[in-house]
C-alpha atoms as a PDB file:
ATOM      1  CA  MET A   1     -93.934  -6.786  47.911  1.00  0.00           C
ATOM      2  CA  SER A   2     -90.983  -7.714  46.280  1.00  0.00           C
ATOM      3  CA  ASP A   3     -89.760  -7.022  42.533  1.00  0.00           C
ATOM      4  CA  HIS A   4     -88.847 -10.476  42.575  1.00  0.00           C
ATOM      5  CA  PRO A   5     -90.841 -13.655  42.438  1.00  0.00           C
ATOM      6  CA  ALA A   6     -90.159 -16.317  44.487  1.00  0.00           C
ATOM      7  CA  ARG A   7     -88.119 -18.583  43.185  1.00  0.00           C
ATOM      8  CA  GLU A   8     -88.487 -21.750  43.624  1.00  0.00           C
ATOM      9  CA  PRO A   9     -85.345 -24.900  44.201  1.00  0.00           C
ATOM     10  CA  LYS A  10     -84.267 -26.345  41.628  1.00  0.00           C
ATOM     11  CA  LEU A  11     -84.826 -30.078  41.201  1.00  0.00           C
ATOM     12  CA  LEU A  12     -81.860 -32.619  40.173  1.00  0.00           C
ATOM     13  CA  THR A  13     -82.369 -36.044  39.041  1.00  0.00           C
ATOM     14  CA  ILE A  14     -80.286 -38.555  40.798  1.00  0.00           C
ATOM     15  CA  THR A  15     -77.541 -38.133  38.293  1.00  0.00           C
ATOM     16  CA  GLU A  16     -77.494 -34.295  38.594  1.00  0.00           C
ATOM     17  CA  ALA A  17     -76.942 -34.631  41.736  1.00  0.00           C
ATOM     18  CA  ALA A  18     -73.756 -37.252  41.707  1.00  0.00           C
ATOM     19  CA  GLU A  19     -72.431 -35.225  39.772  1.00  0.00           C
ATOM     20  CA  LEU A  20     -72.757 -32.350  41.843  1.00  0.00           C
ATOM     21  CA  LEU A  21     -71.671 -34.669  44.807  1.00  0.00           C
ATOM     22  CA  ARG A  22     -68.917 -36.244  42.595  1.00  0.00           C
ATOM     23  CA  ALA A  23     -70.080 -39.244  43.991  1.00  0.00           C
ATOM     24  CA  PRO A  24     -71.329 -41.983  41.682  1.00  0.00           C
ATOM     25  CA  VAL A  25     -75.364 -42.907  41.525  1.00  0.00           C
ATOM     26  CA  ALA A  26     -74.940 -46.247  43.278  1.00  0.00           C
ATOM     27  CA  THR A  27     -73.587 -44.654  46.160  1.00  0.00           C
ATOM     28  CA  LEU A  28     -76.922 -42.203  46.645  1.00  0.00           C
ATOM     29  CA  ARG A  29     -79.273 -45.096  45.978  1.00  0.00           C
ATOM     30  CA  TYR A  30     -77.353 -46.983  48.596  1.00  0.00           C
ATOM     31  CA  TRP A  31     -77.450 -44.177  50.978  1.00  0.00           C
ATOM     32  CA  ARG A  32     -81.269 -43.619  50.025  1.00  0.00           C
ATOM     33  CA  HIS A  33     -81.919 -47.434  50.409  1.00  0.00           C
ATOM     34  CA  LEU A  34     -80.265 -47.113  53.932  1.00  0.00           C
ATOM     35  CA  GLY A  35     -81.761 -43.556  54.749  1.00  0.00           C
ATOM     36  CA  ILE A  36     -78.941 -41.725  55.522  1.00  0.00           C
ATOM     37  CA  GLY A  37     -77.932 -39.826  52.256  1.00  0.00           C
ATOM     38  CA  PRO A  38     -79.619 -36.267  51.204  1.00  0.00           C
ATOM     39  CA  ARG A  39     -83.189 -35.664  51.312  1.00  0.00           C
ATOM     40  CA  SER A  40     -84.690 -37.001  48.133  1.00  0.00           C
ATOM     41  CA  PHE A  41     -88.702 -37.720  46.777  1.00  0.00           C
ATOM     42  CA  ARG A  42     -90.393 -39.618  44.350  1.00  0.00           C
ATOM     43  CA  LEU A  43     -92.332 -37.786  41.327  1.00  0.00           C
ATOM     44  CA  GLY A  44     -93.973 -40.046  39.123  1.00  0.00           C
ATOM     45  CA  ARG A  45     -91.054 -42.397  38.635  1.00  0.00           C
ATOM     46  CA  ARG A  46     -88.217 -40.174  38.882  1.00  0.00           C
ATOM     47  CA  VAL A  47     -86.196 -39.879  42.128  1.00  0.00           C
ATOM     48  CA  LEU A  48     -85.444 -35.982  42.717  1.00  0.00           C
ATOM     49  CA  TYR A  49     -83.237 -33.802  45.046  1.00  0.00           C
ATOM     50  CA  ARG A  50     -83.988 -30.237  45.615  1.00  0.00           C
ATOM     51  CA  SER A  51     -80.642 -28.363  45.613  1.00  0.00           C
ATOM     52  CA  ASP A  52     -81.017 -26.071  48.253  1.00  0.00           C
ATOM     53  CA  GLU A  53     -81.491 -29.242  50.510  1.00  0.00           C
ATOM     54  CA  LEU A  54     -78.378 -30.883  49.036  1.00  0.00           C
ATOM     55  CA  ARG A  55     -76.433 -28.432  50.147  1.00  0.00           C
ATOM     56  CA  ASN A  56     -77.666 -27.923  53.486  1.00  0.00           C
ATOM     57  CA  TRP A  57     -76.987 -31.920  53.594  1.00  0.00           C
ATOM     58  CA  VAL A  58     -73.044 -30.956  52.522  1.00  0.00           C
ATOM     59  CA  ASP A  59     -72.976 -28.793  55.097  1.00  0.00           C
ATOM     60  CA  ALA A  60     -74.051 -30.845  57.665  1.00  0.00           C
ATOM     61  CA  GLN A  61     -71.696 -33.597  56.962  1.00  0.00           C
ATOM     62  CA  HIS A  62     -68.941 -30.710  56.989  1.00  0.00           C
ATOM     63  CA  GLY A  63     -69.661 -30.265  60.195  1.00  0.00           C
ATOM     64  CA  GLN A  64     -69.740 -33.801  61.978  1.00  0.00           C
ATOM     65  CA  ALA A  65     -66.373 -34.160  59.903  1.00  0.00           C
ATOM     66  CA  ALA A  66     -64.039 -35.320  62.409  1.00  0.00           C
ATOM     67  CA  PRO A  67     -61.190 -32.844  63.488  1.00  0.00           C
ATOM     68  CA  ALA A  68     -57.728 -33.355  61.951  1.00  0.00           C
ATOM     69  CA  SER A  69     -54.568 -33.806  64.118  1.00  0.00           C
ATOM     70  CA  ASP A  70     -52.737 -30.868  64.918  1.00  0.00           C
ATOM     71  CA  THR A  71     -49.486 -31.730  63.220  1.00  0.00           C
ATOM     72  CA  ARG A  72     -47.737 -27.955  63.620  1.00  0.00           C
ATOM     73  CA  ARG A  73     -44.631 -28.119  66.095  1.00  0.00           C
END
């Protein structure tokens, strides 16, 4: 048995998630509307993001980035 209790993922508000992504809150709302942004859920009236899922989404976006052209000669 582990000495450390299981850690629950940190929950971020839409404002906190936007700050972390360095994007406007309106962009996250738009992505949510289109279903293309990081996974979120409602808890009462609040929209929340799990920090681990936000990181996974960022990593997935990084993996989809178009490769830069090689300008070395």
